[in-house]
């Protein structure tokens, strides 16, 4: 993967909330669990920090990620908590 391709992936994914497309058995651990893309590493894979008790960063191919928009009621609840 070229540096230009990695830069484009960083621009597209960094800071976005994603969920895993469970197309491979090893990814079922994160089925339906939102996570935030911290960055794209040098080999073009996303470093994702998932919500929940396990706060590690996981190296996942962007081909298996899709962007996630939380339901509106979750956004409203989160805003209430911040106030």
Protein backbone atom coordinates (compact mmCIF):
# COMPACT_ATOMS: atom_id res chain seq x y z
CA UNK A 1 0.00 0.00 0.00
CA UNK A 2 1.37 3.38 -0.96
CA UNK A 3 1.79 6.31 1.46
CA UNK A 4 -0.88 8.21 -0.51
CA UNK A 5 -3.40 5.39 -0.06
CA UNK A 6 -2.66 5.24 3.68
CA UNK A 7 -3.08 9.04 3.97
CA UNK A 8 -6.47 8.78 2.24
CA UNK A 9 -7.57 6.00 4.60
CA UNK A 10 -6.46 8.10 7.59
CA UNK A 11 -8.50 11.04 6.32
CA UNK A 12 -11.57 8.84 5.78
CA UNK A 13 -11.50 6.73 8.95
CA UNK A 14 -9.68 8.55 11.77
CA UNK A 15 -12.07 9.64 14.51
CA UNK A 16 -15.08 7.89 12.98
CA UNK A 17 -17.27 5.39 14.81
CA UNK A 18 -17.41 1.99 13.13
CA UNK A 19 -18.78 -1.51 13.60
CA UNK A 20 -17.25 -4.71 12.29
CA UNK A 21 -18.74 -6.57 9.35
CA UNK A 22 -18.58 -10.10 10.72
CA UNK A 23 -17.39 -11.86 7.59
CA UNK A 24 -14.56 -13.73 9.29
CA UNK A 25 -14.86 -15.93 12.39
CA UNK A 26 -12.14 -14.07 14.29
CA UNK A 27 -14.16 -10.84 14.06
CA UNK A 28 -17.32 -12.18 15.75
CA UNK A 29 -15.92 -10.95 19.08
CA UNK A 30 -16.81 -7.40 18.04
CA UNK A 31 -20.18 -8.09 16.38
CA UNK A 32 -22.51 -5.10 16.93
CA UNK A 33 -20.02 -3.32 19.21
CA UNK A 34 -19.27 0.27 18.16
CA UNK A 35 -15.67 1.37 18.18
CA UNK A 36 -13.70 4.50 17.36
CA UNK A 37 -10.92 4.47 14.78
CA UNK A 38 -7.85 5.92 16.48
CA UNK A 39 -5.68 5.95 13.36
CA UNK A 40 -4.60 3.93 10.34
CA UNK A 41 -1.23 2.28 10.84
CA UNK A 42 1.62 1.97 8.35
CA UNK A 43 0.29 -1.23 6.79
CA UNK A 44 -3.13 0.30 6.06
CA UNK A 45 -5.08 -1.34 8.88
CA UNK A 46 -7.34 0.55 11.28
CA UNK A 47 -6.53 0.74 14.98
CA UNK A 48 -9.97 0.55 16.61
CA UNK A 49 -10.86 1.07 20.27
CA UNK A 50 -14.17 -0.63 21.03
CA UNK A 51 -16.66 0.46 23.69
CA UNK A 52 -16.92 -1.66 26.81
CA UNK A 53 -14.59 -3.02 29.46
CA UNK A 54 -11.88 -4.10 27.01
CA UNK A 55 -10.24 -0.80 26.00
CA UNK A 56 -7.37 -2.12 23.91
CA UNK A 57 -6.71 -1.04 20.35
CA UNK A 58 -7.32 -3.66 17.69
CA UNK A 59 -5.70 -3.85 14.26
CA UNK A 60 -8.52 -4.52 11.74
CA UNK A 61 -8.58 -4.34 7.95
CA UNK A 62 -10.83 -1.42 6.87
CA UNK A 63 -12.53 -3.77 4.38
CA UNK A 64 -14.30 -5.32 7.39
CA UNK A 65 -15.47 -2.02 8.91
CA UNK A 66 -18.55 0.06 8.21
CA UNK A 67 -19.37 3.49 9.54
CA UNK A 68 -21.84 3.61 12.41
CA UNK A 69 -24.28 6.36 13.29
CA UNK A 70 -25.86 5.86 16.72
CA UNK A 71 -29.65 6.04 16.94
CA UNK A 72 -30.95 9.54 17.74
CA UNK A 73 -32.16 8.55 21.23
CA UNK A 74 -28.63 7.48 22.18
CA UNK A 75 -27.27 10.84 21.04
CA UNK A 76 -29.88 12.67 23.11
CA UNK A 77 -29.07 10.60 26.22
CA UNK A 78 -25.33 11.23 25.77
CA UNK A 79 -25.95 14.98 25.52
CA UNK A 80 -28.03 14.92 28.71
CA UNK A 81 -25.22 13.16 30.58
CA UNK A 82 -22.64 15.76 29.43
CA UNK A 83 -24.75 18.63 30.82
